[in-house]
Protein backbone atom coordinates (compact mmCIF):
# COMPACT_ATOMS: atom_id res chain seq x y z
CA MET A 1 -52.68 7.67 -43.22
CA ILE A 2 -55.37 8.39 -45.85
CA GLN A 3 -53.21 9.40 -48.74
CA VAL A 4 -50.62 6.26 -48.10
CA LEU A 5 -53.75 3.92 -48.37
CA SER A 6 -54.82 5.90 -51.81
CA SER A 7 -51.62 5.79 -53.05
CA ALA A 8 -50.28 1.97 -52.07
CA TRP A 9 -53.47 -0.02 -51.40
CA ALA A 10 -52.65 -2.25 -54.22
CA LEU A 11 -49.51 -3.11 -53.23
CA LEU A 12 -50.90 -3.32 -49.42
CA LEU A 13 -53.49 -5.62 -50.97
CA GLY A 14 -51.21 -7.92 -52.70
CA MET A 15 -48.65 -8.22 -49.79
CA GLY A 16 -51.82 -9.02 -47.36
CA LEU A 17 -52.99 -11.77 -49.78
CA LEU A 18 -49.35 -13.10 -49.63
CA MET A 19 -49.03 -13.22 -46.28
CA VAL A 20 -52.50 -15.18 -46.31
CA GLY A 21 -50.94 -17.73 -48.54
CA ASN A 22 -47.94 -17.93 -46.65
CA GLY A 23 -49.51 -18.11 -43.29
CA LEU A 24 -52.11 -20.77 -44.79
CA GLN A 25 -49.31 -22.97 -46.11
CA GLY A 26 -47.27 -22.88 -43.12
CA THR A 27 -50.02 -24.30 -40.86
CA ILE A 28 -51.50 -26.59 -42.84
CA LEU A 29 -48.20 -28.61 -43.25
CA GLY A 30 -47.73 -28.85 -39.50
CA VAL A 31 -51.33 -30.89 -39.51
CA ARG A 32 -50.69 -32.64 -42.25
CA GLY A 33 -47.53 -33.64 -41.38
CA GLU A 34 -49.20 -35.46 -38.48
CA ILE A 35 -51.67 -37.04 -40.88
CA GLU A 36 -48.65 -38.70 -43.42
CA GLY A 37 -47.43 -39.58 -39.93
CA PHE A 38 -43.98 -37.89 -40.08
CA SER A 39 -41.90 -37.48 -37.22
CA THR A 40 -41.79 -34.64 -35.10
CA LEU A 41 -37.73 -34.41 -35.90
CA GLN A 42 -38.85 -34.62 -39.57
CA MET A 43 -41.46 -31.60 -39.43
CA SER A 44 -38.50 -29.73 -37.36
CA PHE A 45 -36.34 -29.98 -40.44
CA VAL A 46 -39.21 -28.99 -43.00
CA MET A 47 -40.31 -26.09 -41.07
CA SER A 48 -36.23 -25.00 -40.82
CA ALA A 49 -35.87 -25.74 -43.87
CA TYR A 50 -38.12 -22.45 -44.84
CA PHE A 51 -35.62 -19.81 -42.65
CA VAL A 52 -32.75 -21.38 -44.75
CA GLY A 53 -34.22 -20.26 -47.81
CA PHE A 54 -35.15 -17.22 -46.52
CA LEU A 55 -32.19 -16.11 -45.56
CA GLY A 56 -30.60 -17.13 -48.70
CA GLY A 57 -33.10 -15.11 -50.68
CA SER A 58 -32.66 -12.03 -48.18
CA ARG A 59 -29.04 -12.15 -49.68
CA LEU A 60 -29.34 -12.88 -53.36
CA ALA A 61 -32.62 -11.36 -54.20
CA PRO A 62 -31.11 -8.06 -54.77
CA GLU A 63 -28.10 -9.17 -57.23
CA MET A 64 -31.25 -10.70 -59.14
CA ILE A 65 -32.84 -7.61 -58.88
CA ARG A 66 -30.04 -5.87 -60.37
CA ARG A 67 -29.82 -8.31 -63.19
CA VAL A 68 -33.08 -8.98 -64.67
CA GLY A 69 -35.34 -6.12 -63.00
CA HIS A 70 -38.09 -6.26 -60.61
CA VAL A 71 -40.99 -7.38 -62.74
CA ARG A 72 -39.19 -10.60 -64.02
CA VAL A 73 -37.97 -11.53 -60.30
CA PHE A 74 -41.37 -11.08 -59.01
CA ALA A 75 -43.34 -13.18 -61.88
CA ALA A 76 -40.53 -15.82 -61.50
CA LEU A 77 -40.77 -16.17 -58.13
CA ALA A 78 -44.51 -16.00 -57.96
CA SER A 79 -44.58 -19.27 -60.29
CA PHE A 80 -42.40 -21.11 -58.18
CA ILE A 81 -44.79 -20.63 -55.08
CA SER A 82 -47.76 -21.73 -56.63
CA ALA A 83 -46.25 -24.90 -58.07
CA VAL A 84 -44.45 -25.77 -54.51
CA MET A 85 -47.63 -25.49 -53.00
CA ILE A 86 -49.64 -27.57 -55.00
CA MET A 87 -46.48 -29.92 -54.66
CA TYR A 88 -46.85 -30.33 -51.27
CA PRO A 89 -49.52 -32.63 -51.05
CA LEU A 90 -48.71 -34.71 -54.37
CA MET A 91 -45.49 -35.77 -52.98
CA THR A 92 -45.91 -36.53 -48.94
CA ASP A 93 -42.15 -37.32 -48.63
CA PRO A 94 -40.07 -35.49 -46.19
CA VAL A 95 -37.23 -34.76 -48.10
CA ILE A 96 -39.10 -33.37 -50.88
CA TRP A 97 -41.10 -30.94 -48.65
CA ILE A 98 -37.57 -30.07 -46.97
CA LEU A 99 -36.44 -29.03 -50.33
CA GLY A 100 -39.86 -27.45 -51.25
CA ARG A 101 -39.49 -25.44 -48.42
CA VAL A 102 -36.23 -24.35 -49.35
CA VAL A 103 -37.50 -23.09 -52.58
CA ILE A 104 -40.47 -21.40 -51.00
CA GLY A 105 -38.64 -19.82 -48.50
CA PHE A 106 -35.98 -18.26 -50.75
CA CYS A 107 -39.12 -17.22 -53.11
CA PHE A 108 -41.13 -15.46 -50.91
CA SER A 109 -37.90 -13.60 -49.25
CA GLY A 110 -37.01 -12.54 -53.04
CA VAL A 111 -41.05 -11.37 -53.30
CA TYR A 112 -40.71 -9.42 -50.32
CA VAL A 113 -37.88 -7.42 -51.56
CA THR A 114 -39.10 -6.72 -54.72
CA ALA A 115 -42.12 -5.55 -53.17
CA GLU A 116 -41.17 -3.75 -50.47
CA SER A 117 -38.46 -1.96 -52.35
CA TRP A 118 -41.59 -0.70 -54.81
CA LEU A 119 -43.21 0.33 -51.15
CA ASN A 120 -39.97 2.53 -50.62
CA ASN A 121 -40.00 3.82 -53.80
CA ALA A 122 -43.64 5.17 -53.49
CA ALA A 123 -43.45 6.42 -49.88
CA SER A 124 -42.15 9.92 -49.54
CA ASN A 125 -40.29 11.71 -46.60
CA GLU A 126 -43.40 13.05 -45.09
CA ASN A 127 -45.32 9.35 -45.12
CA ARG A 128 -42.74 6.82 -45.09
CA GLY A 129 -43.53 6.03 -41.46
CA GLN A 130 -47.30 5.87 -41.93
CA ALA A 131 -46.64 3.19 -45.09
CA LEU A 132 -44.27 1.34 -43.07
CA SER A 133 -47.23 1.29 -40.06
CA LEU A 134 -49.84 -0.03 -42.69
CA TYR A 135 -47.66 -2.37 -44.32
CA MET A 136 -47.10 -4.14 -41.10
CA ILE A 137 -50.91 -3.71 -40.25
CA PHE A 138 -51.39 -5.46 -43.77
CA GLN A 139 -49.14 -8.48 -43.12
CA MET A 140 -50.15 -9.34 -39.37
CA THR A 141 -53.76 -9.03 -40.95
CA GLY A 142 -52.78 -11.44 -43.49
CA ILE A 143 -51.51 -14.30 -41.29
CA ILE A 144 -54.43 -13.75 -38.56
CA SER A 145 -57.23 -14.24 -41.24
CA ALA A 146 -55.12 -17.26 -43.14
CA GLN A 147 -55.93 -19.35 -39.74
CA GLY A 148 -59.65 -18.93 -40.56
CA LEU A 149 -59.29 -20.32 -44.10
CA VAL A 150 -57.83 -23.33 -42.48
CA LEU A 151 -61.29 -24.63 -41.96
CA LEU A 152 -62.28 -24.17 -45.58
CA GLY A 153 -61.13 -27.27 -46.54
CA ASP A 154 -59.82 -31.20 -45.14
CA PRO A 155 -56.11 -30.92 -44.43
CA ALA A 156 -56.25 -34.77 -45.82
CA GLY A 157 -57.13 -33.25 -49.18
CA PHE A 158 -55.63 -31.00 -51.71
CA ASP A 159 -58.52 -28.06 -51.17
CA THR A 160 -56.25 -26.08 -48.83
CA PHE A 161 -53.29 -26.43 -50.38
CA VAL A 162 -54.93 -24.94 -53.78
CA ILE A 163 -56.32 -22.11 -52.11
CA ALA A 164 -53.10 -21.24 -50.71
CA SER A 165 -51.68 -21.47 -53.95
CA ILE A 166 -54.78 -19.54 -55.89
CA LEU A 167 -54.44 -16.53 -52.76
CA VAL A 168 -50.54 -16.35 -53.82
CA SER A 169 -51.07 -16.51 -57.27
CA VAL A 170 -53.60 -13.70 -57.18
CA SER A 171 -51.86 -11.52 -55.14
CA PHE A 172 -49.28 -10.24 -57.75
CA ALA A 173 -52.32 -8.95 -60.19
CA PRO A 174 -52.65 -5.74 -58.27
CA ILE A 175 -49.21 -5.05 -58.00
CA LEU A 176 -48.04 -6.00 -61.16
CA LEU A 177 -50.80 -4.01 -62.93
CA SER A 178 -51.05 -1.41 -60.79
CA ILE A 179 -47.21 -0.35 -60.45
CA SER A 180 -45.67 0.71 -63.67
CA PRO A 181 -42.69 2.73 -62.76
CA THR A 182 -39.54 -0.02 -61.42
CA PRO A 183 -37.47 2.14 -58.71
CA ALA A 184 -33.97 1.96 -58.69
CA PHE A 185 -32.18 -0.88 -56.28
CA ASP A 186 -29.60 -0.66 -54.17
CA THR A 187 -28.64 -1.59 -50.90
CA THR A 188 -26.27 -1.12 -48.25
CA LYS A 189 -23.12 -3.50 -47.77
CA PRO A 190 -23.65 -4.72 -44.06
CA MET A 191 -20.73 -3.72 -41.20
CA THR A 192 -19.26 -6.66 -40.10
CA LEU A 193 -20.42 -9.01 -37.23
CA ARG A 194 -17.76 -8.12 -34.91
CA GLU A 195 -18.11 -4.76 -35.33
CA LEU A 196 -22.00 -4.55 -34.65
CA PHE A 197 -21.42 -6.65 -31.63
CA GLY A 198 -19.30 -4.08 -30.45
CA TYR A 199 -22.01 -1.17 -30.73
CA SER A 200 -24.77 -3.53 -29.44
CA PRO A 201 -23.98 -6.96 -27.77
CA LEU A 202 -27.54 -6.81 -26.47
CA GLY A 203 -29.12 -6.11 -30.23
CA CYS A 204 -27.16 -9.13 -31.64
CA VAL A 205 -27.83 -11.78 -28.90
CA GLY A 206 -31.46 -10.60 -28.39
CA MET A 207 -31.81 -11.19 -32.49
CA PHE A 208 -30.31 -14.39 -32.25
CA LEU A 209 -32.33 -15.73 -29.52
CA LEU A 210 -35.39 -14.36 -30.77
CA GLY A 211 -34.85 -15.52 -34.23
CA GLY A 212 -35.16 -19.17 -32.49
CA VAL A 213 -38.75 -17.69 -30.97
CA PHE A 214 -40.51 -16.43 -34.01
CA SER A 215 -39.50 -19.33 -35.95
CA ALA A 216 -40.60 -21.82 -33.41
CA GLN A 217 -43.59 -19.53 -33.67
CA PHE A 218 -44.14 -19.20 -37.31
CA GLY A 219 -43.45 -22.97 -38.05
CA MET A 220 -43.81 -25.29 -35.01
CA ALA A 221 -46.61 -24.10 -33.58
CA SER A 222 -49.07 -26.21 -35.98
CA VAL A 223 -46.86 -29.21 -35.23
CA TYR A 224 -47.14 -28.61 -31.46
CA GLY A 225 -51.39 -28.49 -31.83
CA ALA A 226 -51.07 -31.94 -33.88
CA ARG A 227 -48.95 -33.68 -31.79
CA ALA A 228 -50.88 -32.17 -28.82
CA GLY A 229 -54.46 -33.76 -29.95
CA LEU A 230 -56.18 -30.06 -30.76
CA THR A 231 -58.96 -30.12 -32.97
CA LEU A 232 -58.22 -28.41 -36.42
CA VAL A 233 -60.49 -25.31 -35.01
CA GLU A 234 -57.92 -24.90 -31.92
CA ILE A 235 -55.10 -25.11 -34.20
CA SER A 236 -55.56 -22.14 -36.40
CA THR A 237 -57.18 -20.64 -33.07
CA PHE A 238 -54.23 -21.14 -31.51
CA ILE A 239 -51.62 -20.24 -33.92
CA ALA A 240 -54.08 -16.69 -34.47
CA ALA A 241 -53.49 -16.19 -30.73
CA PHE A 242 -49.88 -15.45 -31.36
CA TYR A 243 -50.31 -12.75 -34.14
CA ILE A 244 -53.28 -11.14 -32.86
CA GLY A 245 -51.38 -10.59 -29.33
CA ALA A 246 -48.39 -8.94 -31.54
CA LEU A 247 -50.90 -6.85 -33.78
CA VAL A 248 -52.92 -5.40 -30.21
CA LEU A 249 -49.65 -5.04 -28.51
CA GLN A 250 -47.31 -3.82 -31.24
CA TYR A 251 -47.99 -0.10 -30.82
CA PRO A 252 -48.20 0.16 -26.79
CA LEU A 253 -44.91 -1.56 -26.27
CA GLY A 254 -43.40 1.27 -29.14
CA TRP A 255 -45.27 3.81 -26.99
CA MET A 256 -43.31 2.50 -23.82
CA SER A 257 -40.02 1.79 -25.71
CA ASP A 258 -39.93 5.53 -26.53
CA ARG A 259 -39.98 6.24 -22.80
CA MET A 260 -37.70 4.30 -20.84
CA ASP A 261 -34.60 2.81 -20.96
CA ARG A 262 -35.00 -0.01 -23.74
CA ARG A 263 -32.80 -2.47 -22.04
CA PHE A 264 -35.37 -2.65 -18.87
CA LEU A 265 -38.17 -2.67 -21.38
CA ILE A 266 -36.72 -5.65 -23.30
CA MET A 267 -35.88 -7.75 -20.31
CA LEU A 268 -39.42 -6.68 -19.04
CA VAL A 269 -41.03 -8.21 -21.86
CA ALA A 270 -39.24 -11.31 -22.49
CA GLY A 271 -39.62 -12.09 -18.87
CA VAL A 272 -43.10 -11.69 -19.13
CA GLY A 273 -43.23 -14.05 -22.21
CA SER A 274 -41.38 -16.29 -20.64
CA CYS A 275 -43.99 -16.17 -17.63
CA ALA A 276 -46.28 -17.03 -20.42
CA ALA A 277 -44.50 -19.80 -21.86
CA VAL A 278 -44.17 -21.36 -18.72
CA VAL A 279 -48.40 -21.34 -18.27
CA GLY A 280 -48.70 -22.86 -21.44
CA LEU A 281 -46.02 -25.63 -20.31
CA VAL A 282 -47.43 -26.31 -17.43
CA PHE A 283 -51.43 -25.63 -17.74
CA GLY A 284 -51.36 -26.33 -21.42
CA VAL A 285 -54.31 -28.77 -21.21
CA THR A 286 -57.04 -26.41 -21.01
CA PHE A 287 -57.43 -24.60 -24.04
CA PRO A 288 -58.51 -21.33 -22.66
CA ILE A 289 -55.39 -21.21 -21.06
CA LEU A 290 -53.35 -22.33 -24.01
CA LEU A 291 -55.00 -19.31 -25.99
CA GLY A 292 -54.09 -16.95 -23.35
CA ALA A 293 -50.73 -18.13 -23.19
CA ALA A 294 -49.89 -17.62 -27.07
CA PHE A 295 -51.75 -14.40 -27.13
CA VAL A 296 -49.07 -13.05 -24.49
CA ILE A 297 -46.29 -14.99 -25.97
CA GLY A 298 -47.11 -13.46 -29.28
CA GLY A 299 -47.67 -9.91 -27.82
CA MET A 300 -44.07 -10.11 -25.97
CA SER A 301 -42.01 -11.40 -28.71
CA ASN A 302 -42.58 -9.70 -31.75
CA PRO A 303 -42.87 -6.28 -30.82
CA LEU A 304 -38.95 -7.53 -29.38
CA TYR A 305 -37.57 -7.45 -32.73
CA SER A 306 -38.71 -3.81 -33.03
CA LEU A 307 -37.56 -3.16 -29.79
CA LEU A 308 -33.90 -4.63 -30.47
CA ILE A 309 -33.20 -2.84 -33.56
CA ALA A 310 -34.16 0.75 -31.98
CA HIS A 311 -31.64 -0.23 -28.71
CA ALA A 312 -29.32 -1.31 -31.68
CA ASN A 313 -29.54 1.98 -32.84
CA ASP A 314 -29.11 3.79 -30.42
CA PHE A 315 -25.55 3.46 -30.14
CA LEU A 316 -24.94 3.80 -34.10
CA GLU A 317 -24.75 6.87 -35.90
CA HIS A 318 -27.00 7.47 -38.67
CA GLU A 319 -24.65 6.59 -41.51
CA ASP A 320 -24.07 3.38 -39.98
CA MET A 321 -27.97 2.28 -39.25
CA ALA A 322 -28.77 0.67 -42.61
CA ALA A 323 -25.12 -1.15 -42.54
CA ALA A 324 -25.92 -2.57 -39.24
CA SER A 325 -29.12 -3.73 -40.61
CA GLY A 326 -27.92 -6.34 -42.91
CA GLY A 327 -26.15 -8.16 -39.99
CA LEU A 328 -29.09 -8.00 -37.76
CA LEU A 329 -31.16 -9.46 -40.64
CA PHE A 330 -28.48 -12.10 -40.70
CA ILE A 331 -27.76 -13.05 -37.32
CA ASN A 332 -31.69 -13.23 -36.31
CA GLY A 333 -32.13 -15.46 -39.64
CA MET A 334 -29.40 -17.81 -38.09
CA GLY A 335 -31.47 -18.21 -34.96
CA ALA A 336 -34.35 -18.85 -37.07
CA ILE A 337 -32.73 -21.94 -38.77
CA ALA A 338 -31.60 -23.05 -35.38
CA GLY A 339 -35.31 -22.57 -33.78
CA PRO A 340 -37.11 -25.30 -35.36
CA LEU A 341 -34.38 -28.14 -35.30
CA ILE A 342 -34.11 -27.63 -31.16
CA THR A 343 -37.81 -27.45 -30.89
CA GLY A 344 -38.46 -30.47 -33.04
CA TRP A 345 -35.69 -32.26 -31.07
CA LEU A 346 -37.26 -31.42 -27.69
CA MET A 347 -41.00 -32.11 -28.75
CA GLY A 348 -39.61 -35.74 -29.50
CA ASP A 349 -41.01 -38.61 -27.42
CA ALA A 350 -37.82 -39.79 -25.97
CA VAL A 351 -37.36 -35.80 -24.80
CA PHE A 352 -40.18 -33.90 -23.57
CA GLY A 353 -42.91 -34.40 -25.97
CA PRO A 354 -45.41 -31.57 -27.21
CA PRO A 355 -44.51 -29.16 -24.00
CA GLY A 356 -40.72 -29.03 -25.25
CA PHE A 357 -42.66 -26.52 -27.75
CA PHE A 358 -43.25 -24.20 -24.78
CA LEU A 359 -39.96 -25.13 -22.94
CA PHE A 360 -37.84 -23.78 -25.64
CA ILE A 361 -39.57 -20.60 -25.95
CA ALA A 362 -39.54 -20.39 -22.24
CA ILE A 363 -35.72 -20.58 -22.03
CA LEU A 364 -34.54 -18.44 -25.11
CA LEU A 365 -37.19 -15.56 -23.10
CA VAL A 366 -35.42 -16.30 -19.97
CA VAL A 367 -31.83 -16.00 -21.33
CA MET A 368 -32.78 -12.74 -22.99
CA ALA A 369 -34.49 -11.24 -20.32
CA GLY A 370 -31.08 -11.94 -18.01
CA TYR A 371 -28.87 -10.82 -20.82
CA ALA A 372 -30.20 -7.45 -20.89
CA LEU A 373 -30.16 -7.35 -17.03
CA TYR A 374 -26.64 -7.97 -17.15
CA ARG A 375 -26.22 -5.34 -20.12
CA MET A 376 -27.32 -2.91 -18.07
CA THR A 377 -24.53 -3.19 -15.42
CA GLN A 378 -21.88 -3.02 -17.97
CA ARG A 379 -22.76 0.42 -19.54
CA ALA A 380 -24.59 3.85 -18.81
CA ALA A 381 -28.14 4.11 -19.95
CA ILE A 382 -28.71 6.56 -22.82
CA PRO A 383 -31.01 9.57 -21.39
CA VAL A 384 -34.56 8.88 -23.03
CA ASP A 385 -34.54 12.24 -25.01
CA GLU A 386 -31.40 11.14 -27.12
CA THR A 387 -32.85 7.80 -28.01
CA GLY A 388 -34.50 7.48 -31.50
CA THR A 389 -38.09 6.21 -32.43
CA MET A 390 -38.91 2.41 -32.40
CA SER A 391 -40.64 1.84 -36.07
CA PRO A 392 -42.51 -0.92 -36.20
CA LEU A 393 -41.09 -4.22 -37.78
CA TYR A 394 -42.55 -8.16 -38.39
CA PRO A 395 -39.79 -10.84 -38.35
CA THR A 396 -39.92 -11.78 -41.26
CA ALA A 397 -38.62 -8.19 -42.69
CA SER A 398 -36.23 -8.11 -45.84
CA PRO A 399 -33.24 -5.74 -46.10
CA VAL A 400 -35.51 -3.42 -47.88
CA VAL A 401 -38.03 -2.87 -45.10
CA MET A 402 -35.52 -2.94 -42.51
CA GLU A 403 -33.31 0.14 -44.50
CA LEU A 404 -37.14 1.99 -45.14
CA ALA A 405 -37.56 1.64 -41.10
CA GLN A 406 -34.10 2.77 -40.67
CA GLU A 407 -34.90 5.75 -42.73
CA VAL A 408 -37.90 6.54 -40.69
CA ALA A 409 -35.76 6.41 -37.37
CA ILE A 410 -33.08 8.67 -38.89
CA GLU A 411 -35.66 11.05 -39.91
CA ALA A 412 -37.84 11.46 -36.57
CA ALA A 413 -34.19 11.83 -35.01
CA GLU A 414 -33.67 14.92 -37.55
CA ALA A 415 -36.91 16.31 -37.10
CA GLU A 416 -36.69 16.04 -33.25
CA GLN A 417 -33.04 17.78 -33.09
CA GLU A 418 -34.41 20.55 -35.49
CA THR A 419 -37.02 21.36 -32.73
CA GLN A 420 -34.73 21.23 -30.31
CA ASP A 421 -32.28 23.60 -31.90
CA VAL A 422 -35.27 26.16 -32.88
CA ALA A 423 -36.44 26.07 -29.07
């Protein structure tokens, strides 16, 4: 772990700062939208637009890198991100914000692809798993830290947006100044969605539903807080609770995943998450209970991303895992685009109001738990000693880090097989 940190600290620091900037702009937009009088429906389109851009970027950025190289793509996208963050408070129009969010989602996706290809290149077979774990920790820590920075400025002014822009601009310096070799870049052509569904129906359905859950958390939690009348301190603490839960519970659930039927664990985790959402729905007016609900929802839903990928891998040959990752990313992205739109409709004054945020999450997680139970009746469980290792992943993963995680899983499976053969 120390070796990985010493060799890739600049990259990890840069990506951590990038997540601080991204998390900060995501939170402050929800608050600023309330101040500007945007409707819940308008804000749902603003938040959904990020995932439209992100999905497009994950598919187009690899071709951009192949054409002009990592450094040029990295620098160009960085400049667009900083510009859009400054643009938000200058042009407080929902249509402008929607277009800006598409651009910023596209750019962040491209930046992740570029930086993560460097991470993959810097990691060796011996430390690839540790590099991936450290990367996830820096990402999650960054987005948690962002919630504290929300309090440094007045959301009705320019300060917070300028801070986010500065953080993003500064984040590129350690990466570009310390990493000289540009890695070879190639991605695997994804398998068709029909083939992927045939291998793992639960993996496909679960990833679509989880896309909606995650985008509701990432995009609409600040909108919920503003609509529910929370103070700025309460909103930032509420959002941080989701990601603290994810950081704390990712590894315990990963440990359990390698020791039991993953379908049962997916059902259990989704069920617990849905119960927490119901608690938030019913008792959300009490702030400590609201924080507890957010902690449990984040702690259950974010690790589900890694769980579903690991479950899908259990039914794939090693040579098919990288190809499947592209399909899973696409399915998750489609769910993420729909999530804020449906959440925004449910949160409308004519429907359920702010509690619609928790209602949406509860419904999706209940459906996931029910479908996992159904799948347990349709196919026999794979013996635990024949399943692969779960690699920690955050739901903003790019195709590059998805394939990195697949490589970690393949190497772990091969090492375990060699150990069994020797024994």
